[in-house]
Amino acid sequence: MRGHRYRIVNPVRFFIFILAVVMMIAFASATLIKSGNAEASSVDTYMQVVVEDRDSLWSIAESYCNTNMDLRDYIDDVCEINDIDSNDMLHEGDVLFVPLY
């Protein structure tokens, strides 16, 4: 019994098929790598901060944010962790959890 031989009838269509398969594999790999990095960079440490008179999200972010991080991103993280909006007013005695990166 002889093995089957395949003949490429339309080389352009074959090339497009191979290109599509390679692109799908590359996209799937990039997605898996990206999701793995997101888990690895998640925050494990938080600090409890009691809001004092005249504190704002900006002043708190300036005090606790890593110098390599944009303050707006840090404020977004603080808002997400505490389930608040960046427009919400902070009151003296409020307790916030801030991430430590």
PDB file of N, CA and C in Angstrom:
ATOM      1  N   MET A   1       0.843  -1.159   0.000  1.00  0.00           N
ATOM      2  CA  MET A   1       0.000   0.000   0.000  1.00  0.00           C
ATOM      3  C   MET A   1       0.902   1.240   0.000  1.00  0.00           C
ATOM      4  N   ARG A   2       0.678   2.114  -0.937  1.00  0.00           N
ATOM      5  CA  ARG A   2       1.453   3.347  -1.046  1.00  0.00           C
ATOM      6  C   ARG A   2       0.780   4.468  -0.288  1.00  0.00           C
ATOM      7  N   GLY A   3       1.638   5.405   0.211  1.00  0.00           N
ATOM      8  CA  GLY A   3       1.115   6.575   0.908  1.00  0.00           C
ATOM      9  C   GLY A   3       0.428   7.518  -0.068  1.00  0.00           C
ATOM     10  N   HIS A   4      -0.428   8.325   0.438  1.00  0.00           N
ATOM     11  CA  HIS A   4      -1.152   9.279  -0.391  1.00  0.00           C
ATOM     12  C   HIS A   4      -0.266  10.472  -0.688  1.00  0.00           C
ATOM     13  N   ARG A   5      -0.410  10.975  -1.878  1.00  0.00           N
ATOM     14  CA  ARG A   5       0.300  12.195  -2.264  1.00  0.00           C
ATOM     15  C   ARG A   5      -0.741  13.279  -2.500  1.00  0.00           C
ATOM     16  N   TYR A   6      -0.436  14.437  -1.962  1.00  0.00           N
ATOM     17  CA  TYR A   6      -1.339  15.560  -2.141  1.00  0.00           C
ATOM     18  C   TYR A   6      -0.723  16.546  -3.115  1.00  0.00           C
ATOM     19  N   ARG A   7      -1.591  17.133  -3.893  1.00  0.00           N
ATOM     20  CA  ARG A   7      -1.130  18.110  -4.873  1.00  0.00           C
ATOM     21  C   ARG A   7      -1.798  19.442  -4.564  1.00  0.00           C
ATOM     22  N   ILE A   8      -1.000  20.508  -4.513  1.00  0.00           N
ATOM     23  CA  ILE A   8      -1.537  21.846  -4.260  1.00  0.00           C
ATOM     24  C   ILE A   8      -2.079  22.379  -5.577  1.00  0.00           C
ATOM     25  N   VAL A   9      -3.402  22.523  -5.626  1.00  0.00           N
ATOM     26  CA  VAL A   9      -4.062  22.963  -6.843  1.00  0.00           C
ATOM     27  C   VAL A   9      -3.968  24.478  -6.997  1.00  0.00           C
ATOM     28  N   ASN A  10      -4.177  25.192  -5.887  1.00  0.00           N
ATOM     29  CA  ASN A  10      -4.156  26.644  -5.925  1.00  0.00           C
ATOM     30  C   ASN A  10      -3.151  27.130  -4.877  1.00  0.00           C
ATOM     31  N   PRO A  11      -1.918  27.493  -5.284  1.00  0.00           N
ATOM     32  CA  PRO A  11      -0.889  27.891  -4.319  1.00  0.00           C
ATOM     33  C   PRO A  11      -1.253  29.142  -3.520  1.00  0.00           C
ATOM     34  N   VAL A  12      -1.993  30.057  -4.113  1.00  0.00           N
ATOM     35  CA  VAL A  12      -2.375  31.277  -3.400  1.00  0.00           C
ATOM     36  C   VAL A  12      -3.323  30.929  -2.253  1.00  0.00           C
ATOM     37  N   ARG A  13      -4.313  30.109  -2.521  1.00  0.00           N
ATOM     38  CA  ARG A  13      -5.256  29.699  -1.488  1.00  0.00           C
ATOM     39  C   ARG A  13      -4.541  28.923  -0.376  1.00  0.00           C
ATOM     40  N   PHE A  14      -3.606  28.073  -0.726  1.00  0.00           N
ATOM     41  CA  PHE A  14      -2.835  27.313   0.256  1.00  0.00           C
ATOM     42  C   PHE A  14      -2.013  28.270   1.135  1.00  0.00           C
ATOM     43  N   PHE A  15      -1.367  29.253   0.517  1.00  0.00           N
ATOM     44  CA  PHE A  15      -0.570  30.227   1.261  1.00  0.00           C
ATOM     45  C   PHE A  15      -1.442  31.017   2.242  1.00  0.00           C
ATOM     46  N   ILE A  16      -2.611  31.438   1.796  1.00  0.00           N
ATOM     47  CA  ILE A  16      -3.530  32.183   2.668  1.00  0.00           C
ATOM     48  C   ILE A  16      -3.975  31.317   3.834  1.00  0.00           C
ATOM     49  N   PHE A  17      -4.237  30.041   3.577  1.00  0.00           N
ATOM     50  CA  PHE A  17      -4.628  29.118   4.640  1.00  0.00           C
ATOM     51  C   PHE A  17      -3.510  28.976   5.677  1.00  0.00           C
ATOM     52  N   ILE A  18      -2.293  28.762   5.207  1.00  0.00           N
ATOM     53  CA  ILE A  18      -1.150  28.621   6.121  1.00  0.00           C
ATOM     54  C   ILE A  18      -0.943  29.911   6.917  1.00  0.00           C
ATOM     55  N   LEU A  19      -1.042  31.054   6.255  1.00  0.00           N
ATOM     56  CA  LEU A  19      -0.887  32.335   6.925  1.00  0.00           C
ATOM     57  C   LEU A  19      -1.952  32.526   8.007  1.00  0.00           C
ATOM     58  N   ALA A  20      -3.194  32.166   7.711  1.00  0.00           N
ATOM     59  CA  ALA A  20      -4.281  32.291   8.684  1.00  0.00           C
ATOM     60  C   ALA A  20      -4.038  31.394   9.898  1.00  0.00           C
ATOM     61  N   VAL A  21      -3.583  30.184   9.669  1.00  0.00           N
ATOM     62  CA  VAL A  21      -3.304  29.259  10.774  1.00  0.00           C
ATOM     63  C   VAL A  21      -2.180  29.807  11.652  1.00  0.00           C
ATOM     64  N   VAL A  22      -1.121  30.294  11.038  1.00  0.00           N
ATOM     65  CA  VAL A  22       0.002  30.852  11.799  1.00  0.00           C
ATOM     66  C   VAL A  22      -0.451  32.066  12.614  1.00  0.00           C
ATOM     67  N   MET A  23      -1.280  32.920  12.025  1.00  0.00           N
ATOM     68  CA  MET A  23      -1.764  34.100  12.740  1.00  0.00           C
ATOM     69  C   MET A  23      -2.651  33.707  13.924  1.00  0.00           C
ATOM     70  N   MET A  24      -3.492  32.700  13.755  1.00  0.00           N
ATOM     71  CA  MET A  24      -4.337  32.253  14.860  1.00  0.00           C
ATOM     72  C   MET A  24      -3.493  31.690  16.001  1.00  0.00           C
ATOM     73  N   ILE A  25      -2.472  30.930  15.671  1.00  0.00           N
ATOM     74  CA  ILE A  25      -1.592  30.380  16.702  1.00  0.00           C
ATOM     75  C   ILE A  25      -0.848  31.506  17.425  1.00  0.00           C
ATOM     76  N   ALA A  26      -0.364  32.492  16.670  1.00  0.00           N
ATOM     77  CA  ALA A  26       0.349  33.623  17.275  1.00  0.00           C
ATOM     78  C   ALA A  26      -0.585  34.418  18.186  1.00  0.00           C
ATOM     79  N   PHE A  27      -1.815  34.666  17.754  1.00  0.00           N
ATOM     80  CA  PHE A  27      -2.784  35.406  18.570  1.00  0.00           C
ATOM     81  C   PHE A  27      -3.110  34.648  19.852  1.00  0.00           C
ATOM     82  N   ALA A  28      -3.331  33.348  19.741  1.00  0.00           N
ATOM     83  CA  ALA A  28      -3.640  32.538  20.926  1.00  0.00           C
ATOM     84  C   ALA A  28      -2.464  32.536  21.895  1.00  0.00           C
ATOM     85  N   SER A  29      -1.259  32.427  21.377  1.00  0.00           N
ATOM     86  CA  SER A  29      -0.071  32.446  22.236  1.00  0.00           C
ATOM     87  C   SER A  29       0.083  33.784  22.938  1.00  0.00           C
ATOM     88  N   ALA A  30      -0.095  34.868  22.204  1.00  0.00           N
ATOM     89  CA  ALA A  30       0.027  36.203  22.796  1.00  0.00           C
ATOM     90  C   ALA A  30      -1.027  36.412  23.877  1.00  0.00           C
ATOM     91  N   THR A  31      -2.224  35.919  23.657  1.00  0.00           N
ATOM     92  CA  THR A  31      -3.295  36.056  24.646  1.00  0.00           C
ATOM     93  C   THR A  31      -2.960  35.280  25.909  1.00  0.00           C
ATOM     94  N   LEU A  32      -2.445  34.088  25.769  1.00  0.00           N
ATOM     95  CA  LEU A  32      -2.076  33.285  26.935  1.00  0.00           C
ATOM     96  C   LEU A  32      -0.925  33.920  27.702  1.00  0.00           C
ATOM     97  N   ILE A  33       0.052  34.447  26.987  1.00  0.00           N
ATOM     98  CA  ILE A  33       1.193  35.091  27.641  1.00  0.00           C
ATOM     99  C   ILE A  33       0.736  36.335  28.382  1.00  0.00           C
ATOM    100  N   LYS A  34      -0.133  37.122  27.767  1.00  0.00           N
ATOM    101  CA  LYS A  34      -0.621  38.351  28.387  1.00  0.00           C
ATOM    102  C   LYS A  34      -1.416  38.039  29.641  1.00  0.00           C
ATOM    103  N   SER A  35      -2.278  37.048  29.608  1.00  0.00           N
ATOM    104  CA  SER A  35      -3.071  36.720  30.789  1.00  0.00           C
ATOM    105  C   SER A  35      -2.191  36.164  31.895  1.00  0.00           C
ATOM    106  N   GLY A  36      -1.138  35.469  31.560  1.00  0.00           N
ATOM    107  CA  GLY A  36      -0.198  34.973  32.563  1.00  0.00           C
ATOM    108  C   GLY A  36       0.525  36.107  33.245  1.00  0.00           C
ATOM    109  N   ASN A  37       0.906  37.143  32.510  1.00  0.00           N
ATOM    110  CA  ASN A  37       1.583  38.301  33.096  1.00  0.00           C
ATOM    111  C   ASN A  37       0.652  39.088  33.992  1.00  0.00           C
ATOM    112  N   ALA A  38      -0.617  39.165  33.649  1.00  0.00           N
ATOM    113  CA  ALA A  38      -1.567  39.909  34.470  1.00  0.00           C
ATOM    114  C   ALA A  38      -1.707  39.260  35.836  1.00  0.00           C
ATOM    115  N   GLU A  39      -1.730  37.933  35.880  1.00  0.00           N
ATOM    116  CA  GLU A  39      -1.831  37.250  37.156  1.00  0.00           C
ATOM    117  C   GLU A  39      -0.554  37.411  37.960  1.00  0.00           C
ATOM    118  N   ALA A  40       0.580  37.389  37.301  1.00  0.00           N
ATOM    119  CA  ALA A  40       1.855  37.480  37.996  1.00  0.00           C
ATOM    120  C   ALA A  40       2.059  38.857  38.607  1.00  0.00           C
ATOM    121  N   SER A  41       1.483  39.892  37.995  1.00  0.00           N
ATOM    122  CA  SER A  41       1.689  41.243  38.501  1.00  0.00           C
ATOM    123  C   SER A  41       0.576  41.698  39.439  1.00  0.00           C
ATOM    124  N   SER A  42      -0.329  40.795  39.822  1.00  0.00           N
ATOM    125  CA  SER A  42      -1.423  41.197  40.697  1.00  0.00           C
ATOM    126  C   SER A  42      -0.880  41.583  42.065  1.00  0.00           C
ATOM    127  N   VAL A  43      -1.638  42.395  42.743  1.00  0.00           N
ATOM    128  CA  VAL A  43      -1.213  42.922  44.033  1.00  0.00           C
ATOM    129  C   VAL A  43      -1.565  41.936  45.130  1.00  0.00           C
ATOM    130  N   ASP A  44      -0.618  41.663  45.995  1.00  0.00           N
ATOM    131  CA  ASP A  44      -0.874  40.788  47.133  1.00  0.00           C
ATOM    132  C   ASP A  44      -0.896  41.559  48.443  1.00  0.00           C
ATOM    133  N   THR A  45      -0.390  42.778  48.441  1.00  0.00           N
ATOM    134  CA  THR A  45      -0.251  43.539  49.673  1.00  0.00           C
ATOM    135  C   THR A  45      -1.027  44.846  49.582  1.00  0.00           C
ATOM    136  N   TYR A  46      -1.809  45.099  50.604  1.00  0.00           N
ATOM    137  CA  TYR A  46      -2.569  46.332  50.690  1.00  0.00           C
ATOM    138  C   TYR A  46      -2.270  46.991  52.031  1.00  0.00           C
ATOM    139  N   MET A  47      -2.425  48.289  52.056  1.00  0.00           N
ATOM    140  CA  MET A  47      -2.262  49.019  53.302  1.00  0.00           C
ATOM    141  C   MET A  47      -3.564  49.736  53.603  1.00  0.00           C
ATOM    142  N   GLN A  48      -3.961  49.705  54.852  1.00  0.00           N
ATOM    143  CA  GLN A  48      -5.176  50.390  55.278  1.00  0.00           C
ATOM    144  C   GLN A  48      -4.807  51.828  55.614  1.00  0.00           C
ATOM    145  N   VAL A  49      -5.533  52.763  55.004  1.00  0.00           N
ATOM    146  CA  VAL A  49      -5.268  54.186  55.216  1.00  0.00           C
ATOM    147  C   VAL A  49      -6.542  54.836  55.744  1.00  0.00           C
ATOM    148  N   VAL A  50      -6.397  55.570  56.833  1.00  0.00           N
ATOM    149  CA  VAL A  50      -7.520  56.326  57.375  1.00  0.00           C
ATOM    150  C   VAL A  50      -7.432  57.744  56.801  1.00  0.00           C
ATOM    151  N   VAL A  51      -8.501  58.176  56.162  1.00  0.00           N
ATOM    152  CA  VAL A  51      -8.528  59.491  55.516  1.00  0.00           C
ATOM    153  C   VAL A  51      -8.526  60.573  56.593  1.00  0.00           C
ATOM    154  N   GLU A  52      -7.628  61.513  56.403  1.00  0.00           N
ATOM    155  CA  GLU A  52      -7.540  62.644  57.327  1.00  0.00           C
ATOM    156  C   GLU A  52      -8.152  63.868  56.668  1.00  0.00           C
ATOM    157  N   ASP A  53      -8.330  64.928  57.476  1.00  0.00           N
ATOM    158  CA  ASP A  53      -8.904  66.171  56.974  1.00  0.00           C
ATOM    159  C   ASP A  53      -8.097  66.676  55.778  1.00  0.00           C
ATOM    160  N   ARG A  54      -8.768  67.057  54.738  1.00  0.00           N
ATOM    161  CA  ARG A  54      -8.195  67.609  53.508  1.00  0.00           C
ATOM    162  C   ARG A  54      -7.469  66.576  52.640  1.00  0.00           C
ATOM    163  N   ASP A  55      -7.590  65.288  52.943  1.00  0.00           N
ATOM    164  CA  ASP A  55      -7.024  64.257  52.074  1.00  0.00           C
ATOM    165  C   ASP A  55      -7.871  64.133  50.818  1.00  0.00           C
ATOM    166  N   SER A  56      -7.224  63.787  49.730  1.00  0.00           N
ATOM    167  CA  SER A  56      -7.911  63.506  48.472  1.00  0.00           C
ATOM    168  C   SER A  56      -7.277  62.259  47.887  1.00  0.00           C
ATOM    169  N   LEU A  57      -7.919  61.720  46.860  1.00  0.00           N
ATOM    170  CA  LEU A  57      -7.315  60.561  46.195  1.00  0.00           C
ATOM    171  C   LEU A  57      -5.939  60.914  45.647  1.00  0.00           C
ATOM    172  N   TRP A  58      -5.793  62.135  45.162  1.00  0.00           N
ATOM    173  CA  TRP A  58      -4.495  62.562  44.614  1.00  0.00           C
ATOM    174  C   TRP A  58      -3.426  62.618  45.694  1.00  0.00           C
ATOM    175  N   SER A  59      -3.753  63.183  46.856  1.00  0.00           N
ATOM    176  CA  SER A  59      -2.743  63.282  47.911  1.00  0.00           C
ATOM    177  C   SER A  59      -2.379  61.903  48.452  1.00  0.00           C
ATOM    178  N   ILE A  60      -3.365  61.025  48.548  1.00  0.00           N
ATOM    179  CA  ILE A  60      -3.087  59.660  49.008  1.00  0.00           C
ATOM    180  C   ILE A  60      -2.233  58.931  47.972  1.00  0.00           C
ATOM    181  N   ALA A  61      -2.574  59.097  46.700  1.00  0.00           N
ATOM    182  CA  ALA A  61      -1.792  58.450  45.635  1.00  0.00           C
ATOM    183  C   ALA A  61      -0.353  58.961  45.635  1.00  0.00           C
ATOM    184  N   GLU A  62      -0.170  60.245  45.827  1.00  0.00           N
ATOM    185  CA  GLU A  62       1.191  60.797  45.869  1.00  0.00           C
ATOM    186  C   GLU A  62       1.993  60.222  47.028  1.00  0.00           C
ATOM    187  N   SER A  63       1.332  59.876  48.118  1.00  0.00           N
ATOM    188  CA  SER A  63       2.019  59.342  49.291  1.00  0.00           C
ATOM    189  C   SER A  63       2.391  57.871  49.140  1.00  0.00           C
ATOM    190  N   TYR A  64       1.565  57.089  48.449  1.00  0.00           N
ATOM    191  CA  TYR A  64       1.750  55.641  48.439  1.00  0.00           C
ATOM    192  C   TYR A  64       2.100  55.043  47.081  1.00  0.00           C
ATOM    193  N   CYS A  65       2.039  55.832  46.030  1.00  0.00           N
ATOM    194  CA  CYS A  65       2.278  55.309  44.683  1.00  0.00           C
ATOM    195  C   CYS A  65       3.764  55.097  44.435  1.00  0.00           C
ATOM    196  N   ASN A  66       4.060  54.006  43.750  1.00  0.00           N
ATOM    197  CA  ASN A  66       5.412  53.738  43.294  1.00  0.00           C
ATOM    198  C   ASN A  66       5.798  54.813  42.288  1.00  0.00           C
ATOM    199  N   THR A  67       7.012  55.292  42.333  1.00  0.00           N
ATOM    200  CA  THR A  67       7.434  56.375  41.442  1.00  0.00           C
ATOM    201  C   THR A  67       7.415  55.967  39.969  1.00  0.00           C
ATOM    202  N   ASN A  68       7.408  54.679  39.673  1.00  0.00           N
ATOM    203  CA  ASN A  68       7.393  54.209  38.285  1.00  0.00           C
ATOM    204  C   ASN A  68       5.986  54.147  37.703  1.00  0.00           C
ATOM    205  N   MET A  69       4.989  54.382  38.513  1.00  0.00           N
ATOM    206  CA  MET A  69       3.607  54.219  38.069  1.00  0.00           C
ATOM    207  C   MET A  69       2.943  55.582  37.913  1.00  0.00           C
ATOM    208  N   ASP A  70       2.089  55.701  36.927  1.00  0.00           N
ATOM    209  CA  ASP A  70       1.325  56.923  36.709  1.00  0.00           C
ATOM    210  C   ASP A  70       0.279  57.068  37.809  1.00  0.00           C
ATOM    211  N   LEU A  71       0.153  58.273  38.363  1.00  0.00           N
ATOM    212  CA  LEU A  71      -0.794  58.500  39.459  1.00  0.00           C
ATOM    213  C   LEU A  71      -2.230  58.184  39.063  1.00  0.00           C
ATOM    214  N   ARG A  72      -2.591  58.460  37.820  1.00  0.00           N
ATOM    215  CA  ARG A  72      -3.968  58.177  37.382  1.00  0.00           C
ATOM    216  C   ARG A  72      -4.255  56.684  37.413  1.00  0.00           C
ATOM    217  N   ASP A  73      -3.272  55.873  37.008  1.00  0.00           N
ATOM    218  CA  ASP A  73      -3.454  54.418  37.055  1.00  0.00           C
ATOM    219  C   ASP A  73      -3.571  53.939  38.505  1.00  0.00           C
ATOM    220  N   TYR A  74      -2.748  54.522  39.373  1.00  0.00           N
ATOM    221  CA  TYR A  74      -2.796  54.151  40.788  1.00  0.00           C
ATOM    222  C   TYR A  74      -4.154  54.509  41.392  1.00  0.00           C
ATOM    223  N   ILE A  75      -4.652  55.706  41.078  1.00  0.00           N
ATOM    224  CA  ILE A  75      -5.965  56.123  41.577  1.00  0.00           C
ATOM    225  C   ILE A  75      -7.057  55.196  41.056  1.00  0.00           C
ATOM    226  N   ASP A  76      -6.959  54.785  39.798  1.00  0.00           N
ATOM    227  CA  ASP A  76      -7.928  53.822  39.250  1.00  0.00           C
ATOM    228  C   ASP A  76      -7.898  52.521  40.044  1.00  0.00           C
ATOM    229  N   ASP A  77      -6.698  52.047  40.395  1.00  0.00           N
ATOM    230  CA  ASP A  77      -6.579  50.820  41.187  1.00  0.00           C
ATOM    231  C   ASP A  77      -7.202  51.000  42.569  1.00  0.00           C
ATOM    232  N   VAL A  78      -6.929  52.140  43.216  1.00  0.00           N
ATOM    233  CA  VAL A  78      -7.499  52.407  44.539  1.00  0.00           C
ATOM    234  C   VAL A  78      -9.030  52.432  44.456  1.00  0.00           C
ATOM    235  N   CYS A  79      -9.558  53.086  43.433  1.00  0.00           N
ATOM    236  CA  CYS A  79     -11.014  53.149  43.262  1.00  0.00           C
ATOM    237  C   CYS A  79     -11.611  51.767  43.047  1.00  0.00           C
ATOM    238  N   GLU A  80     -10.951  50.947  42.240  1.00  0.00           N
ATOM    239  CA  GLU A  80     -11.466  49.601  41.978  1.00  0.00           C
ATOM    240  C   GLU A  80     -11.432  48.737  43.240  1.00  0.00           C
ATOM    241  N   ILE A  81     -10.342  48.811  43.988  1.00  0.00           N
ATOM    242  CA  ILE A  81     -10.202  48.010  45.207  1.00  0.00           C
ATOM    243  C   ILE A  81     -11.259  48.393  46.236  1.00  0.00           C
ATOM    244  N   ASN A  82     -11.535  49.684  46.341  1.00  0.00           N
ATOM    245  CA  ASN A  82     -12.462  50.177  47.358  1.00  0.00           C
ATOM    246  C   ASN A  82     -13.884  50.359  46.853  1.00  0.00           C
ATOM    247  N   ASP A  83     -14.112  49.999  45.592  1.00  0.00           N
ATOM    248  CA  ASP A  83     -15.439  50.103  44.978  1.00  0.00           C
ATOM    249  C   ASP A  83     -16.012  51.512  45.118  1.00  0.00           C
ATOM    250  N   ILE A  84     -15.164  52.493  44.713  1.00  0.00           N
ATOM    251  CA  ILE A  84     -15.598  53.891  44.727  1.00  0.00           C
ATOM    252  C   ILE A  84     -15.313  54.494  43.362  1.00  0.00           C
ATOM    253  N   ASP A  85     -15.868  55.661  43.126  1.00  0.00           N
ATOM    254  CA  ASP A  85     -15.633  56.400  41.891  1.00  0.00           C
ATOM    255  C   ASP A  85     -14.629  57.504  42.191  1.00  0.00           C
ATOM    256  N   SER A  86     -13.828  57.854  41.210  1.00  0.00           N
ATOM    257  CA  SER A  86     -12.813  58.886  41.441  1.00  0.00           C
ATOM    258  C   SER A  86     -13.424  60.242  41.754  1.00  0.00           C
ATOM    259  N   ASN A  87     -14.707  60.418  41.465  1.00  0.00           N
ATOM    260  CA  ASN A  87     -15.388  61.681  41.771  1.00  0.00           C
ATOM    261  C   ASN A  87     -16.018  61.680  43.166  1.00  0.00           C
ATOM    262  N   ASP A  88     -16.010  60.531  43.844  1.00  0.00           N
ATOM    263  CA  ASP A  88     -16.603  60.454  45.179  1.00  0.00           C
ATOM    264  C   ASP A  88     -15.800  61.310  46.160  1.00  0.00           C
ATOM    265  N   MET A  89     -16.501  61.932  47.062  1.00  0.00           N
ATOM    266  CA  MET A  89     -15.852  62.744  48.091  1.00  0.00           C
ATOM    267  C   MET A  89     -15.339  61.827  49.200  1.00  0.00           C
ATOM    268  N   LEU A  90     -14.141  62.107  49.674  1.00  0.00           N
ATOM    269  CA  LEU A  90     -13.600  61.392  50.818  1.00  0.00           C
ATOM    270  C   LEU A  90     -13.900  62.217  52.072  1.00  0.00           C
ATOM    271  N   HIS A  91     -14.195  61.511  53.148  1.00  0.00           N
ATOM    272  CA  HIS A  91     -14.512  62.190  54.407  1.00  0.00           C
ATOM    273  C   HIS A  91     -13.520  61.736  55.468  1.00  0.00           C
ATOM    274  N   GLU A  92     -13.227  62.633  56.369  1.00  0.00           N
ATOM    275  CA  GLU A  92     -12.312  62.315  57.457  1.00  0.00           C
ATOM    276  C   GLU A  92     -12.823  61.083  58.197  1.00  0.00           C
ATOM    277  N   GLY A  93     -11.932  60.130  58.412  1.00  0.00           N
ATOM    278  CA  GLY A  93     -12.297  58.888  59.107  1.00  0.00           C
ATOM    279  C   GLY A  93     -12.616  57.748  58.164  1.00  0.00           C
ATOM    280  N   ASP A  94     -12.826  58.036  56.868  1.00  0.00           N
ATOM    281  CA  ASP A  94     -13.029  56.945  55.895  1.00  0.00           C
ATOM    282  C   ASP A  94     -11.797  56.053  55.876  1.00  0.00           C
ATOM    283  N   VAL A  95     -12.002  54.788  55.596  1.00  0.00           N
ATOM    284  CA  VAL A  95     -10.897  53.844  55.523  1.00  0.00           C
ATOM    285  C   VAL A  95     -10.765  53.377  54.077  1.00  0.00           C
ATOM    286  N   LEU A  96      -9.567  53.488  53.538  1.00  0.00           N
ATOM    287  CA  LEU A  96      -9.280  53.020  52.188  1.00  0.00           C
ATOM    288  C   LEU A  96      -8.188  51.974  52.241  1.00  0.00           C
ATOM    289  N   PHE A  97      -8.253  51.043  51.317  1.00  0.00           N
ATOM    290  CA  PHE A  97      -7.171  50.095  51.134  1.00  0.00           C
ATOM    291  C   PHE A  97      -6.402  50.522  49.885  1.00  0.00           C
ATOM    292  N   VAL A  98      -5.091  50.690  50.042  1.00  0.00           N
ATOM    293  CA  VAL A  98      -4.260  51.115  48.907  1.00  0.00           C
ATOM    294  C   VAL A  98      -3.273  49.991  48.599  1.00  0.00           C
ATOM    295  N   PRO A  99      -3.048  49.740  47.312  1.00  0.00           N
ATOM    296  CA  PRO A  99      -2.113  48.674  46.942  1.00  0.00           C
ATOM    297  C   PRO A  99      -0.666  49.116  47.147  1.00  0.00           C
ATOM    298  N   LEU A 100       0.155  48.178  47.535  1.00  0.00           N
ATOM    299  CA  LEU A 100       1.594  48.427  47.636  1.00  0.00           C
ATOM    300  C   LEU A 100       2.270  47.594  46.563  1.00  0.00           C
ATOM    301  N   TYR A 101       2.831  48.257  45.590  1.00  0.00           N
ATOM    302  CA  TYR A 101       3.491  47.572  44.486  1.00  0.00           C
ATOM    303  C   TYR A 101       4.969  47.461  44.751  1.00  0.00           C
TER     304      TYR A 101
END
